[in-house]
N, C-alpha and C. Protein backbone atom coordinates (compact mmCIF):
# COMPACT_ATOMS: atom_id res chain seq x y z
N MET A 1 -17.96 -59.76 65.45
CA MET A 1 -17.66 -58.68 64.59
C MET A 1 -18.78 -58.79 63.39
N GLU A 2 -19.18 -57.47 63.08
CA GLU A 2 -20.22 -57.29 62.10
C GLU A 2 -19.76 -57.25 60.57
N PRO A 3 -20.21 -57.88 59.84
CA PRO A 3 -19.62 -57.89 58.29
C PRO A 3 -19.95 -56.35 57.80
N ARG A 4 -19.04 -55.91 56.91
CA ARG A 4 -19.30 -54.59 56.37
C ARG A 4 -20.23 -54.69 55.12
N ARG A 5 -20.90 -53.26 55.07
CA ARG A 5 -21.94 -53.29 54.00
C ARG A 5 -21.30 -52.73 52.71
N GLY A 6 -21.46 -53.04 51.66
CA GLY A 6 -20.92 -52.53 50.28
C GLY A 6 -19.89 -53.33 49.90
N ILE A 7 -19.49 -52.99 48.54
CA ILE A 7 -18.25 -53.74 48.03
C ILE A 7 -16.95 -53.07 48.30
N PRO A 8 -16.08 -53.87 48.93
CA PRO A 8 -14.74 -53.44 49.30
C PRO A 8 -13.86 -52.86 48.21
N ALA A 9 -13.14 -51.86 48.24
CA ALA A 9 -12.27 -51.36 47.26
C ALA A 9 -11.45 -52.37 46.76
N ARG A 10 -10.94 -53.29 47.42
CA ARG A 10 -9.95 -54.44 46.70
C ARG A 10 -10.77 -55.21 45.81
N VAL A 11 -11.99 -55.10 45.76
CA VAL A 11 -12.64 -56.10 44.68
C VAL A 11 -13.16 -55.00 43.51
N LEU A 12 -13.52 -53.81 43.87
CA LEU A 12 -13.93 -52.88 42.94
C LEU A 12 -12.94 -52.31 42.00
N ALA A 13 -11.64 -52.06 42.46
CA ALA A 13 -10.52 -51.66 41.71
C ALA A 13 -10.14 -52.63 40.67
N PRO A 14 -9.83 -53.96 40.85
CA PRO A 14 -9.64 -54.85 39.81
C PRO A 14 -10.73 -55.03 38.84
N ALA A 15 -11.91 -54.98 39.17
CA ALA A 15 -13.06 -55.01 38.24
C ALA A 15 -13.04 -53.69 37.37
N ALA A 16 -12.87 -52.69 37.95
CA ALA A 16 -12.81 -51.40 37.10
C ALA A 16 -11.58 -51.47 36.15
N LEU A 17 -10.40 -51.94 36.49
CA LEU A 17 -9.25 -52.17 35.68
C LEU A 17 -9.69 -53.12 34.44
N ALA A 18 -10.16 -54.30 34.77
CA ALA A 18 -10.74 -55.21 33.73
C ALA A 18 -11.61 -54.66 32.72
N ILE A 19 -12.67 -53.87 33.20
CA ILE A 19 -13.34 -53.11 32.41
C ILE A 19 -12.90 -52.19 31.43
N CYS A 20 -12.00 -51.45 32.01
CA CYS A 20 -11.07 -50.51 31.11
C CYS A 20 -10.16 -51.16 30.19
N ALA A 21 -9.67 -52.44 30.34
CA ALA A 21 -8.91 -53.00 29.56
C ALA A 21 -9.74 -53.63 28.26
N VAL A 22 -10.93 -54.17 28.73
CA VAL A 22 -11.84 -54.74 27.67
C VAL A 22 -12.18 -53.57 26.63
N LEU A 23 -12.61 -52.28 27.34
CA LEU A 23 -12.95 -51.21 26.51
C LEU A 23 -11.82 -50.88 25.53
N PHE A 24 -10.57 -50.63 26.22
CA PHE A 24 -9.42 -50.43 25.38
C PHE A 24 -9.25 -51.44 24.13
N LEU A 25 -9.44 -52.63 24.48
CA LEU A 25 -9.05 -53.74 23.31
C LEU A 25 -10.36 -53.41 22.33
N PHE A 26 -11.48 -53.13 22.78
CA PHE A 26 -12.64 -53.06 21.80
C PHE A 26 -12.48 -51.84 20.90
N VAL A 27 -11.99 -50.65 21.41
CA VAL A 27 -11.67 -49.50 20.74
C VAL A 27 -10.48 -49.82 19.71
N LEU A 28 -9.39 -50.67 20.07
CA LEU A 28 -8.40 -50.98 19.09
C LEU A 28 -9.01 -51.87 18.07
N ALA A 29 -9.91 -52.83 18.37
CA ALA A 29 -10.27 -53.82 17.36
C ALA A 29 -11.17 -53.13 16.30
N THR A 30 -12.00 -52.07 16.80
CA THR A 30 -13.00 -51.52 15.87
C THR A 30 -12.44 -50.40 15.10
N SER A 31 -11.19 -49.87 15.57
CA SER A 31 -10.55 -48.76 14.84
C SER A 31 -10.06 -49.12 13.48
N GLY A 32 -9.48 -50.26 13.24
CA GLY A 32 -9.13 -50.89 11.87
C GLY A 32 -8.26 -50.14 10.87
N GLY A 33 -7.74 -49.06 11.42
CA GLY A 33 -6.74 -48.31 10.61
C GLY A 33 -7.26 -47.28 9.65
N GLY A 34 -8.40 -47.60 9.06
CA GLY A 34 -9.14 -46.55 8.39
C GLY A 34 -8.48 -46.21 6.97
N GLY A 35 -7.54 -46.84 6.56
CA GLY A 35 -6.95 -46.54 5.24
C GLY A 35 -7.83 -46.59 4.00
N ASP A 36 -8.71 -47.58 3.70
CA ASP A 36 -9.50 -47.59 2.56
C ASP A 36 -10.74 -46.66 2.75
N GLU A 37 -11.34 -46.39 3.99
CA GLU A 37 -12.37 -45.72 4.10
C GLU A 37 -12.27 -44.28 3.50
N GLU A 38 -11.12 -43.72 3.71
CA GLU A 38 -10.85 -42.33 3.27
C GLU A 38 -10.86 -42.11 1.80
N LYS A 39 -10.64 -43.17 1.01
CA LYS A 39 -10.47 -43.23 -0.39
C LYS A 39 -11.86 -43.05 -1.17
N SER A 40 -11.98 -42.55 -2.12
CA SER A 40 -13.00 -42.26 -2.88
C SER A 40 -12.97 -42.95 -4.40
N GLY A 41 -14.14 -43.32 -4.73
CA GLY A 41 -14.03 -43.81 -6.38
C GLY A 41 -14.07 -45.29 -6.16
N SER A 42 -13.64 -45.73 -7.47
CA SER A 42 -13.71 -47.34 -7.70
C SER A 42 -12.49 -47.94 -7.03
N ALA A 43 -11.55 -47.20 -6.57
CA ALA A 43 -10.32 -48.15 -6.10
C ALA A 43 -10.76 -48.56 -4.66
N ALA A 44 -11.35 -47.88 -3.94
CA ALA A 44 -11.80 -48.17 -2.69
C ALA A 44 -12.81 -49.38 -2.69
N THR A 45 -13.47 -49.58 -3.84
CA THR A 45 -14.67 -50.79 -3.71
C THR A 45 -14.01 -52.04 -4.41
N GLN A 46 -12.75 -52.00 -5.00
CA GLN A 46 -11.95 -53.17 -5.28
C GLN A 46 -11.53 -53.90 -4.10
N THR A 47 -11.52 -55.30 -4.44
CA THR A 47 -11.05 -56.17 -3.32
C THR A 47 -9.47 -56.10 -3.42
N GLN A 48 -8.88 -56.63 -2.34
CA GLN A 48 -7.35 -56.80 -2.23
C GLN A 48 -6.82 -57.67 -3.41
N SER A 49 -7.32 -58.63 -3.61
CA SER A 49 -6.83 -59.53 -4.69
C SER A 49 -6.95 -59.08 -6.09
N SER A 50 -7.98 -58.10 -6.33
CA SER A 50 -8.06 -57.64 -7.71
C SER A 50 -7.19 -56.46 -8.08
N ARG A 51 -6.44 -55.93 -6.95
CA ARG A 51 -5.74 -54.77 -7.13
C ARG A 51 -4.47 -55.24 -8.01
N LYS A 52 -3.78 -54.41 -8.95
CA LYS A 52 -2.57 -54.64 -9.62
C LYS A 52 -1.46 -54.19 -8.58
N PRO A 53 -0.42 -54.99 -8.61
CA PRO A 53 0.67 -54.52 -7.69
C PRO A 53 1.25 -53.23 -8.47
N GLU A 54 1.60 -52.35 -7.49
CA GLU A 54 2.28 -51.02 -8.16
C GLU A 54 3.77 -51.47 -8.51
N PRO A 55 4.21 -50.91 -9.64
CA PRO A 55 5.53 -51.13 -9.92
C PRO A 55 6.55 -50.46 -8.98
N LYS A 56 7.63 -51.10 -8.66
CA LYS A 56 8.59 -50.56 -7.85
C LYS A 56 9.20 -49.28 -8.47
N ARG A 57 9.41 -48.35 -7.73
CA ARG A 57 10.10 -47.02 -8.27
C ARG A 57 11.44 -46.96 -7.91
N ARG A 58 12.39 -46.69 -8.76
CA ARG A 58 13.63 -46.37 -8.56
C ARG A 58 13.86 -45.16 -8.02
N PRO A 59 14.80 -44.80 -6.99
CA PRO A 59 15.03 -43.55 -6.52
C PRO A 59 15.68 -42.68 -7.63
N LYS A 60 15.43 -41.39 -7.51
CA LYS A 60 16.06 -40.52 -8.56
C LYS A 60 17.39 -40.33 -8.11
N ARG A 61 18.24 -40.20 -8.83
CA ARG A 61 19.81 -39.77 -8.74
C ARG A 61 19.68 -38.32 -8.69
N VAL A 62 20.37 -37.64 -7.83
CA VAL A 62 20.55 -36.14 -7.62
C VAL A 62 21.58 -35.78 -8.38
N ALA A 63 21.45 -34.89 -9.34
CA ALA A 63 22.77 -34.36 -10.21
C ALA A 63 23.82 -33.85 -9.11
N GLY A 64 24.96 -33.97 -9.50
CA GLY A 64 26.04 -33.24 -8.62
C GLY A 64 26.58 -34.44 -7.80
N SER A 65 27.89 -34.15 -7.20
CA SER A 65 28.61 -35.12 -6.20
C SER A 65 28.45 -34.78 -4.85
N THR A 66 27.50 -33.81 -4.33
CA THR A 66 27.37 -33.59 -2.87
C THR A 66 26.03 -33.51 -2.67
N TYR A 67 25.58 -33.48 -1.46
CA TYR A 67 24.19 -33.40 -1.18
C TYR A 67 24.23 -32.56 0.22
N THR A 68 23.48 -31.58 0.12
CA THR A 68 23.30 -30.77 1.52
C THR A 68 22.17 -31.18 2.39
N VAL A 69 22.54 -31.35 3.67
CA VAL A 69 21.69 -32.09 4.76
C VAL A 69 20.54 -30.86 5.02
N LYS A 70 19.57 -31.25 4.83
CA LYS A 70 18.14 -30.52 5.30
C LYS A 70 17.66 -30.78 6.67
N THR A 71 16.90 -29.98 7.24
CA THR A 71 16.33 -30.30 8.56
C THR A 71 15.53 -31.47 8.41
N GLY A 72 15.65 -32.45 9.36
CA GLY A 72 14.86 -33.77 9.58
C GLY A 72 15.26 -34.77 8.52
N ASP A 73 16.45 -34.61 7.89
CA ASP A 73 17.09 -35.56 7.21
C ASP A 73 17.54 -36.70 7.96
N THR A 74 17.76 -37.85 7.42
CA THR A 74 18.45 -39.19 7.97
C THR A 74 19.16 -39.72 6.94
N LEU A 75 20.07 -40.72 7.24
CA LEU A 75 20.76 -41.33 6.13
C LEU A 75 19.77 -42.12 5.40
N GLY A 76 18.83 -42.76 5.89
CA GLY A 76 17.86 -43.30 5.13
C GLY A 76 17.07 -42.50 4.01
N SER A 77 16.69 -41.23 4.49
CA SER A 77 15.86 -40.45 3.78
C SER A 77 17.05 -39.73 2.64
N ILE A 78 18.24 -39.62 3.09
CA ILE A 78 18.98 -39.06 1.96
C ILE A 78 19.29 -40.23 0.96
N SER A 79 19.37 -41.47 1.45
CA SER A 79 19.64 -42.56 0.47
C SER A 79 18.50 -42.59 -0.56
N GLU A 80 17.27 -42.52 0.03
CA GLU A 80 16.14 -42.52 -1.07
C GLU A 80 16.05 -41.30 -1.87
N LYS A 81 16.42 -40.25 -1.56
CA LYS A 81 16.44 -38.98 -2.22
C LYS A 81 17.52 -39.06 -3.37
N THR A 82 18.71 -39.64 -3.00
CA THR A 82 19.90 -39.56 -3.88
C THR A 82 20.05 -40.88 -4.70
N GLY A 83 19.27 -42.15 -4.14
CA GLY A 83 19.58 -43.34 -4.83
C GLY A 83 20.94 -43.94 -4.43
N VAL A 84 21.59 -43.43 -3.38
CA VAL A 84 22.88 -44.00 -2.90
C VAL A 84 22.74 -44.77 -1.77
N ASP A 85 23.16 -46.15 -1.59
CA ASP A 85 22.87 -46.95 -0.81
C ASP A 85 23.39 -46.28 0.84
N VAL A 86 22.89 -46.57 1.96
CA VAL A 86 23.22 -46.13 3.21
C VAL A 86 24.71 -46.28 3.31
N GLU A 87 25.14 -47.71 3.15
CA GLU A 87 26.60 -48.09 3.39
C GLU A 87 27.57 -47.33 2.43
N GLN A 88 26.99 -47.06 1.34
CA GLN A 88 28.10 -46.21 0.32
C GLN A 88 28.16 -44.81 0.89
N LEU A 89 27.09 -44.33 1.33
CA LEU A 89 27.13 -42.88 1.84
C LEU A 89 28.13 -42.95 3.21
N GLN A 90 28.05 -43.95 3.87
CA GLN A 90 29.03 -44.09 5.09
C GLN A 90 30.48 -44.29 4.66
N GLU A 91 30.73 -45.04 3.59
CA GLU A 91 31.93 -45.20 2.97
C GLU A 91 32.57 -43.95 2.38
N LEU A 92 31.66 -43.20 1.72
CA LEU A 92 32.23 -42.06 1.19
C LEU A 92 32.44 -40.87 2.04
N ASN A 93 31.82 -41.01 3.30
CA ASN A 93 31.92 -39.98 4.36
C ASN A 93 32.33 -40.56 5.55
N PRO A 94 33.49 -41.08 5.80
CA PRO A 94 33.88 -41.78 6.92
C PRO A 94 33.81 -41.04 8.30
N GLN A 95 33.78 -39.67 8.38
CA GLN A 95 33.75 -38.69 9.39
C GLN A 95 32.31 -38.54 9.87
N LEU A 96 31.45 -38.98 8.99
CA LEU A 96 29.95 -38.75 9.29
C LEU A 96 29.51 -39.64 10.52
N ASP A 97 28.87 -38.88 11.41
CA ASP A 97 28.16 -39.60 12.58
C ASP A 97 26.69 -39.57 12.02
N PRO A 98 26.11 -40.75 11.89
CA PRO A 98 24.48 -40.80 11.28
C PRO A 98 23.67 -40.10 12.42
N GLN A 99 23.98 -40.31 13.64
CA GLN A 99 23.11 -39.83 14.61
C GLN A 99 23.34 -38.23 14.96
N ALA A 100 24.09 -37.61 14.28
CA ALA A 100 24.50 -36.21 14.46
C ALA A 100 24.59 -35.44 13.15
N LEU A 101 23.56 -35.59 12.27
CA LEU A 101 23.59 -34.78 10.99
C LEU A 101 23.26 -33.40 11.31
N VAL A 102 24.03 -32.38 10.61
CA VAL A 102 23.71 -31.07 10.85
C VAL A 102 23.14 -30.52 9.66
N THR A 103 22.17 -29.65 9.71
CA THR A 103 21.55 -28.95 8.59
C THR A 103 22.75 -27.97 7.99
N GLY A 104 22.75 -28.18 6.68
CA GLY A 104 23.71 -27.41 5.85
C GLY A 104 25.00 -28.29 5.75
N GLN A 105 25.05 -29.42 6.34
CA GLN A 105 26.42 -30.26 6.30
C GLN A 105 26.42 -30.87 4.71
N LYS A 106 27.55 -30.70 4.18
CA LYS A 106 27.78 -31.50 2.79
C LYS A 106 28.16 -32.89 2.87
N LEU A 107 27.50 -33.84 2.01
CA LEU A 107 27.86 -35.11 2.05
C LEU A 107 28.28 -35.54 0.64
N LYS A 108 29.32 -36.28 0.42
CA LYS A 108 29.69 -36.93 -0.88
C LYS A 108 28.70 -38.05 -1.14
N ILE A 109 28.20 -37.85 -2.55
CA ILE A 109 27.34 -38.93 -3.05
C ILE A 109 28.08 -39.52 -4.12
N ARG A 110 29.04 -39.36 -4.53
CA ARG A 110 29.83 -40.20 -5.62
C ARG A 110 31.37 -40.24 -5.29
């Protein structure tokens, strides 16, 4: 039996897969998130240790005793907007299904 010429596919396919994996990891490693590169001015040139920590902001309380659900709202986002904990929202609205919020639905917040 005469040996085949060329590289068999069973060797070439794993090599191509390994090359793709290495290239993918290289792209991920060099992308770096890009958060600080887009900022301009002196804030971008400061080091991480020299920045002052931002003060924690308290969520605003919405006036009134109800909140009307808007498109894209979740219990977490409603909690942030109203300053009412998610657990408290669920206690005030026992009929509420957090997975099925409906736009226009009224929720008790007090």
